Amino acid sequence: MAMPVAQADVAVIAHIKSNFSSLTAKQVQDIFMGRTRIFPNGKFALPIDQSSPLRAEFYEELTGRPVEQINAYWARIMFTGQASPPQRLPDDEAVLQTVRENEGAIGYIDKTRVDGTIRVLLLVQPWKP
């Protein structure tokens, strides 16, 4: 029998020098779903995805849709050449490193991994219909 998985709070993070302090869930969703690649300040946004189990949780909490629907969405978008999905890194540590090194990067990590080297833009809470 499978044990229930505890859901972690997911922190959406950006470079420490980003000149805005927060984003709305809709703004984050638009960036990660390829609807925009621009931050509110007009700078280019580079969304960073994960290959870890946190990815499914992030998209379910952010969009209310299972990760399988997100994968199907990206398959359609890529097929039509409209956009490319976010770059996928293996885990929180890789996302943290990339965000620390790239001012335009935006990623997500388990909230427990947040430290003073990055800026938290949004805490993603479990989705409620």
N, C-alpha and C. Protein backbone atom coordinates (compact mmCIF):
# COMPACT_ATOMS: atom_id res chain seq x y z
N MET A 1 0.85 -1.18 0.00
CA MET A 1 0.00 0.00 0.00
C MET A 1 0.89 1.24 0.00
N ALA A 2 0.56 2.20 -0.83
CA ALA A 2 1.35 3.42 -0.95
C ALA A 2 1.08 4.34 0.24
N MET A 3 2.12 4.93 0.74
CA MET A 3 1.97 5.88 1.83
C MET A 3 1.58 7.23 1.25
N PRO A 4 0.71 7.98 1.93
CA PRO A 4 0.37 9.31 1.43
C PRO A 4 1.60 10.20 1.44
N VAL A 5 1.72 11.03 0.43
CA VAL A 5 2.86 11.93 0.32
C VAL A 5 2.48 13.26 0.96
N ALA A 6 3.32 13.74 1.85
CA ALA A 6 3.08 15.04 2.47
C ALA A 6 3.36 16.13 1.44
N GLN A 7 2.45 17.04 1.33
CA GLN A 7 2.66 18.11 0.36
C GLN A 7 3.51 19.21 0.98
N ALA A 8 4.51 19.63 0.25
CA ALA A 8 5.39 20.70 0.71
C ALA A 8 4.86 22.02 0.18
N ASP A 9 5.11 23.08 0.93
CA ASP A 9 4.84 24.40 0.38
C ASP A 9 5.90 24.65 -0.68
N VAL A 10 5.48 25.21 -1.80
CA VAL A 10 6.38 25.46 -2.92
C VAL A 10 6.65 26.96 -2.98
N ALA A 11 7.92 27.32 -3.00
CA ALA A 11 8.33 28.72 -3.10
C ALA A 11 8.77 29.01 -4.53
N VAL A 12 8.15 30.03 -5.14
CA VAL A 12 8.59 30.51 -6.45
C VAL A 12 9.67 31.53 -6.18
N ILE A 13 10.84 31.33 -6.82
CA ILE A 13 12.01 32.14 -6.48
C ILE A 13 12.60 32.84 -7.71
N ALA A 14 13.32 33.93 -7.42
CA ALA A 14 14.03 34.67 -8.46
C ALA A 14 15.37 35.13 -7.90
N HIS A 15 16.16 35.71 -8.77
CA HIS A 15 17.47 36.24 -8.39
C HIS A 15 17.30 37.29 -7.28
N ILE A 16 18.24 37.34 -6.38
CA ILE A 16 18.18 38.26 -5.24
C ILE A 16 18.10 39.72 -5.69
N LYS A 17 18.66 40.04 -6.87
CA LYS A 17 18.67 41.42 -7.35
C LYS A 17 17.46 41.78 -8.22
N SER A 18 16.50 40.86 -8.35
CA SER A 18 15.32 41.22 -9.14
C SER A 18 14.66 42.42 -8.47
N ASN A 19 14.20 43.38 -9.27
CA ASN A 19 13.72 44.63 -8.68
C ASN A 19 12.20 44.63 -8.49
N PHE A 20 11.63 43.46 -8.23
CA PHE A 20 10.24 43.38 -7.80
C PHE A 20 10.19 42.34 -6.70
N SER A 21 9.24 42.48 -5.80
CA SER A 21 9.25 41.64 -4.61
C SER A 21 8.26 40.50 -4.65
N SER A 22 7.31 40.53 -5.58
CA SER A 22 6.33 39.45 -5.62
C SER A 22 5.68 39.38 -7.00
N LEU A 23 5.06 38.24 -7.25
CA LEU A 23 4.23 38.03 -8.44
C LEU A 23 2.93 37.40 -7.98
N THR A 24 1.89 37.58 -8.75
CA THR A 24 0.63 36.91 -8.45
C THR A 24 0.70 35.49 -9.00
N ALA A 25 -0.20 34.64 -8.53
CA ALA A 25 -0.25 33.27 -9.04
C ALA A 25 -0.52 33.28 -10.54
N LYS A 26 -1.36 34.21 -11.02
CA LYS A 26 -1.66 34.31 -12.45
C LYS A 26 -0.40 34.68 -13.24
N GLN A 27 0.39 35.60 -12.75
CA GLN A 27 1.64 35.99 -13.44
C GLN A 27 2.60 34.81 -13.51
N VAL A 28 2.74 34.06 -12.41
CA VAL A 28 3.62 32.89 -12.40
C VAL A 28 3.10 31.84 -13.37
N GLN A 29 1.80 31.61 -13.35
CA GLN A 29 1.19 30.64 -14.26
C GLN A 29 1.45 31.04 -15.71
N ASP A 30 1.27 32.31 -16.03
CA ASP A 30 1.50 32.78 -17.41
C ASP A 30 2.94 32.56 -17.85
N ILE A 31 3.90 32.77 -16.95
CA ILE A 31 5.31 32.56 -17.28
C ILE A 31 5.60 31.07 -17.49
N PHE A 32 5.14 30.23 -16.57
CA PHE A 32 5.45 28.80 -16.66
C PHE A 32 4.64 28.07 -17.72
N MET A 33 3.53 28.66 -18.17
CA MET A 33 2.73 28.03 -19.22
C MET A 33 3.05 28.63 -20.60
N GLY A 34 4.07 29.49 -20.66
CA GLY A 34 4.54 30.01 -21.94
C GLY A 34 3.69 31.12 -22.52
N ARG A 35 2.76 31.67 -21.75
CA ARG A 35 1.91 32.75 -22.26
C ARG A 35 2.65 34.08 -22.31
N THR A 36 3.67 34.21 -21.46
CA THR A 36 4.53 35.39 -21.48
C THR A 36 5.93 34.97 -21.05
N ARG A 37 6.92 35.69 -21.50
CA ARG A 37 8.30 35.46 -21.06
C ARG A 37 8.88 36.78 -20.54
N ILE A 38 7.98 37.65 -20.09
CA ILE A 38 8.39 38.97 -19.62
C ILE A 38 7.90 39.18 -18.19
N PHE A 39 8.79 39.66 -17.32
CA PHE A 39 8.41 40.03 -15.97
C PHE A 39 7.65 41.36 -16.00
N PRO A 40 6.95 41.70 -14.92
CA PRO A 40 6.24 42.99 -14.89
C PRO A 40 7.15 44.20 -15.12
N ASN A 41 8.44 44.06 -14.83
CA ASN A 41 9.38 45.18 -15.03
C ASN A 41 9.90 45.25 -16.48
N GLY A 42 9.39 44.37 -17.36
CA GLY A 42 9.78 44.39 -18.76
C GLY A 42 11.00 43.54 -19.08
N LYS A 43 11.64 42.96 -18.07
CA LYS A 43 12.82 42.12 -18.30
C LYS A 43 12.40 40.71 -18.73
N PHE A 44 13.29 40.04 -19.45
CA PHE A 44 13.04 38.69 -19.92
C PHE A 44 12.99 37.71 -18.75
N ALA A 45 12.01 36.82 -18.75
CA ALA A 45 11.86 35.80 -17.70
C ALA A 45 12.30 34.45 -18.26
N LEU A 46 13.16 33.77 -17.52
CA LEU A 46 13.63 32.45 -17.90
C LEU A 46 13.10 31.43 -16.88
N PRO A 47 11.94 30.81 -17.18
CA PRO A 47 11.38 29.85 -16.22
C PRO A 47 12.20 28.57 -16.18
N ILE A 48 12.41 28.07 -14.96
CA ILE A 48 13.18 26.85 -14.73
C ILE A 48 12.25 25.83 -14.06
N ASP A 49 12.10 24.70 -14.71
CA ASP A 49 11.25 23.61 -14.23
C ASP A 49 12.12 22.58 -13.52
N GLN A 50 11.48 21.59 -12.90
CA GLN A 50 12.21 20.51 -12.23
C GLN A 50 11.76 19.17 -12.77
N SER A 51 12.62 18.20 -12.67
CA SER A 51 12.27 16.82 -13.00
C SER A 51 11.87 16.04 -11.75
N SER A 52 11.93 16.68 -10.60
CA SER A 52 11.64 16.01 -9.33
C SER A 52 10.13 15.87 -9.12
N PRO A 53 9.72 15.10 -8.11
CA PRO A 53 8.29 14.98 -7.81
C PRO A 53 7.64 16.32 -7.46
N LEU A 54 8.43 17.32 -7.08
CA LEU A 54 7.88 18.64 -6.76
C LEU A 54 7.20 19.27 -7.97
N ARG A 55 7.61 18.89 -9.18
CA ARG A 55 7.02 19.44 -10.40
C ARG A 55 5.52 19.19 -10.47
N ALA A 56 5.10 17.97 -10.20
CA ALA A 56 3.67 17.63 -10.24
C ALA A 56 2.91 18.46 -9.22
N GLU A 57 3.46 18.56 -8.03
CA GLU A 57 2.82 19.34 -6.98
C GLU A 57 2.71 20.81 -7.36
N PHE A 58 3.81 21.38 -7.89
CA PHE A 58 3.81 22.78 -8.30
C PHE A 58 2.69 23.07 -9.30
N TYR A 59 2.61 22.28 -10.36
CA TYR A 59 1.61 22.55 -11.39
C TYR A 59 0.18 22.29 -10.90
N GLU A 60 0.00 21.24 -10.08
CA GLU A 60 -1.34 20.99 -9.54
C GLU A 60 -1.78 22.13 -8.64
N GLU A 61 -0.87 22.61 -7.80
CA GLU A 61 -1.22 23.71 -6.89
C GLU A 61 -1.40 25.03 -7.64
N LEU A 62 -0.59 25.26 -8.67
CA LEU A 62 -0.66 26.52 -9.41
C LEU A 62 -1.85 26.57 -10.36
N THR A 63 -2.13 25.46 -11.04
CA THR A 63 -3.15 25.48 -12.09
C THR A 63 -4.41 24.69 -11.75
N GLY A 64 -4.32 23.82 -10.75
CA GLY A 64 -5.46 22.96 -10.45
C GLY A 64 -5.59 21.80 -11.41
N ARG A 65 -4.58 21.60 -12.25
CA ARG A 65 -4.60 20.50 -13.23
C ARG A 65 -3.47 19.52 -12.94
N PRO A 66 -3.70 18.23 -13.19
CA PRO A 66 -2.63 17.25 -12.99
C PRO A 66 -1.50 17.46 -13.99
N VAL A 67 -0.31 17.02 -13.61
CA VAL A 67 0.87 17.23 -14.44
C VAL A 67 0.72 16.56 -15.82
N GLU A 68 -0.07 15.50 -15.92
CA GLU A 68 -0.30 14.86 -17.22
C GLU A 68 -0.97 15.83 -18.19
N GLN A 69 -1.89 16.65 -17.68
CA GLN A 69 -2.53 17.67 -18.54
C GLN A 69 -1.53 18.75 -18.93
N ILE A 70 -0.64 19.09 -18.03
CA ILE A 70 0.39 20.09 -18.34
C ILE A 70 1.32 19.55 -19.43
N ASN A 71 1.71 18.28 -19.31
CA ASN A 71 2.57 17.66 -20.33
C ASN A 71 1.87 17.64 -21.68
N ALA A 72 0.58 17.31 -21.71
CA ALA A 72 -0.18 17.28 -22.97
C ALA A 72 -0.28 18.69 -23.55
N TYR A 73 -0.49 19.69 -22.69
CA TYR A 73 -0.54 21.09 -23.13
C TYR A 73 0.76 21.46 -23.84
N TRP A 74 1.90 21.13 -23.20
CA TRP A 74 3.19 21.48 -23.80
C TRP A 74 3.45 20.71 -25.09
N ALA A 75 2.98 19.48 -25.16
CA ALA A 75 3.14 18.71 -26.40
C ALA A 75 2.41 19.42 -27.54
N ARG A 76 1.20 19.92 -27.29
CA ARG A 76 0.44 20.65 -28.32
C ARG A 76 1.14 21.96 -28.70
N ILE A 77 1.57 22.71 -27.70
CA ILE A 77 2.21 24.02 -27.94
C ILE A 77 3.50 23.83 -28.74
N MET A 78 4.30 22.83 -28.38
CA MET A 78 5.55 22.59 -29.09
C MET A 78 5.29 22.12 -30.52
N PHE A 79 4.26 21.30 -30.71
CA PHE A 79 3.93 20.80 -32.04
C PHE A 79 3.58 21.95 -32.98
N THR A 80 2.88 22.95 -32.46
CA THR A 80 2.49 24.10 -33.30
C THR A 80 3.59 25.15 -33.38
N GLY A 81 4.68 24.95 -32.62
CA GLY A 81 5.81 25.88 -32.69
C GLY A 81 5.56 27.20 -31.99
N GLN A 82 4.55 27.26 -31.12
CA GLN A 82 4.20 28.52 -30.47
C GLN A 82 5.16 28.90 -29.34
N ALA A 83 5.70 27.91 -28.65
CA ALA A 83 6.58 28.19 -27.52
C ALA A 83 7.31 26.91 -27.14
N SER A 84 8.31 27.06 -26.28
CA SER A 84 9.04 25.91 -25.75
C SER A 84 8.80 25.84 -24.26
N PRO A 85 8.75 24.63 -23.70
CA PRO A 85 8.54 24.51 -22.25
C PRO A 85 9.74 25.02 -21.48
N PRO A 86 9.55 25.31 -20.20
CA PRO A 86 10.68 25.74 -19.38
C PRO A 86 11.78 24.69 -19.36
N GLN A 87 13.01 25.17 -19.26
CA GLN A 87 14.16 24.26 -19.11
C GLN A 87 13.94 23.45 -17.84
N ARG A 88 14.24 22.15 -17.90
CA ARG A 88 14.01 21.28 -16.75
C ARG A 88 15.34 20.88 -16.12
N LEU A 89 15.47 21.12 -14.82
CA LEU A 89 16.64 20.73 -14.05
C LEU A 89 16.26 19.62 -13.07
N PRO A 90 17.25 18.89 -12.54
CA PRO A 90 16.92 17.69 -11.77
C PRO A 90 16.29 17.92 -10.39
N ASP A 91 16.66 19.01 -9.69
CA ASP A 91 16.20 19.12 -8.30
C ASP A 91 16.32 20.56 -7.78
N ASP A 92 15.92 20.73 -6.51
CA ASP A 92 15.96 22.05 -5.86
C ASP A 92 17.34 22.68 -5.94
N GLU A 93 18.39 21.90 -5.68
CA GLU A 93 19.75 22.46 -5.65
C GLU A 93 20.13 23.03 -7.01
N ALA A 94 19.81 22.31 -8.08
CA ALA A 94 20.13 22.79 -9.43
C ALA A 94 19.35 24.06 -9.75
N VAL A 95 18.08 24.11 -9.33
CA VAL A 95 17.26 25.31 -9.55
C VAL A 95 17.83 26.48 -8.76
N LEU A 96 18.17 26.26 -7.50
CA LEU A 96 18.77 27.32 -6.69
C LEU A 96 20.02 27.87 -7.35
N GLN A 97 20.91 26.99 -7.79
CA GLN A 97 22.17 27.42 -8.41
C GLN A 97 21.90 28.25 -9.66
N THR A 98 20.98 27.81 -10.50
CA THR A 98 20.67 28.52 -11.74
C THR A 98 20.06 29.89 -11.46
N VAL A 99 19.16 29.96 -10.49
CA VAL A 99 18.53 31.24 -10.16
C VAL A 99 19.56 32.20 -9.56
N ARG A 100 20.46 31.68 -8.74
CA ARG A 100 21.52 32.54 -8.17
C ARG A 100 22.41 33.13 -9.24
N GLU A 101 22.62 32.39 -10.34
CA GLU A 101 23.56 32.81 -11.38
C GLU A 101 22.93 33.60 -12.52
N ASN A 102 21.60 33.63 -12.62
CA ASN A 102 20.92 34.27 -13.75
C ASN A 102 19.84 35.23 -13.26
N GLU A 103 20.04 36.53 -13.51
CA GLU A 103 19.10 37.52 -13.01
C GLU A 103 17.69 37.36 -13.57
N GLY A 104 17.53 36.78 -14.75
CA GLY A 104 16.21 36.62 -15.33
C GLY A 104 15.53 35.31 -14.97
N ALA A 105 16.23 34.43 -14.24
CA ALA A 105 15.68 33.11 -13.95
C ALA A 105 14.57 33.18 -12.91
N ILE A 106 13.57 32.32 -13.09
CA ILE A 106 12.50 32.14 -12.12
C ILE A 106 12.27 30.63 -12.01
N GLY A 107 12.24 30.14 -10.78
CA GLY A 107 12.08 28.72 -10.57
C GLY A 107 11.23 28.46 -9.35
N TYR A 108 11.17 27.21 -8.94
CA TYR A 108 10.43 26.86 -7.73
C TYR A 108 11.20 25.77 -7.00
N ILE A 109 11.09 25.84 -5.67
CA ILE A 109 11.77 24.88 -4.80
C ILE A 109 10.86 24.60 -3.61
N ASP A 110 11.20 23.56 -2.87
CA ASP A 110 10.53 23.30 -1.60
C ASP A 110 10.83 24.49 -0.69
N LYS A 111 9.81 24.99 -0.03
CA LYS A 111 9.95 26.17 0.83
C LYS A 111 11.04 26.00 1.88
N THR A 112 11.27 24.77 2.33
CA THR A 112 12.29 24.55 3.36
C THR A 112 13.70 24.82 2.85
N ARG A 113 13.89 24.92 1.54
CA ARG A 113 15.22 25.16 0.95
C ARG A 113 15.52 26.65 0.76
N VAL A 114 14.56 27.51 1.07
CA VAL A 114 14.75 28.96 0.88
C VAL A 114 15.86 29.45 1.81
N ASP A 115 16.73 30.30 1.23
CA ASP A 115 17.78 30.92 2.02
C ASP A 115 17.93 32.38 1.58
N GLY A 116 18.88 33.07 2.12
CA GLY A 116 19.04 34.49 1.85
C GLY A 116 19.70 34.82 0.52
N THR A 117 19.97 33.82 -0.31
CA THR A 117 20.67 34.08 -1.58
C THR A 117 19.70 34.26 -2.76
N ILE A 118 18.41 34.10 -2.50
CA ILE A 118 17.40 34.24 -3.56
C ILE A 118 16.22 35.05 -3.01
N ARG A 119 15.34 35.47 -3.91
CA ARG A 119 14.15 36.22 -3.51
C ARG A 119 12.91 35.34 -3.73
N VAL A 120 12.06 35.24 -2.71
CA VAL A 120 10.80 34.50 -2.85
C VAL A 120 9.74 35.44 -3.41
N LEU A 121 9.16 35.06 -4.54
CA LEU A 121 8.14 35.89 -5.19
C LEU A 121 6.72 35.48 -4.85
N LEU A 122 6.55 34.19 -4.54
CA LEU A 122 5.21 33.67 -4.27
C LEU A 122 5.33 32.34 -3.54
N LEU A 123 4.46 32.11 -2.58
CA LEU A 123 4.32 30.78 -1.99
C LEU A 123 3.06 30.18 -2.59
N VAL A 124 3.23 29.03 -3.22
CA VAL A 124 2.10 28.38 -3.89
C VAL A 124 1.43 27.44 -2.90
N GLN A 125 0.15 27.70 -2.67
CA GLN A 125 -0.63 26.92 -1.72
C GLN A 125 -1.42 25.85 -2.46
N PRO A 126 -1.81 24.79 -1.77
CA PRO A 126 -2.65 23.77 -2.44
C PRO A 126 -3.87 24.40 -3.06
N TRP A 127 -4.18 23.96 -4.27
CA TRP A 127 -5.28 24.52 -5.06
C TRP A 127 -6.61 24.08 -4.49
N LYS A 128 -7.55 25.01 -4.41
CA LYS A 128 -8.91 24.68 -3.96
C LYS A 128 -9.89 25.17 -5.02
N PRO A 129 -10.75 24.26 -5.49
CA PRO A 129 -11.70 24.67 -6.53
C PRO A 129 -12.72 25.67 -6.03
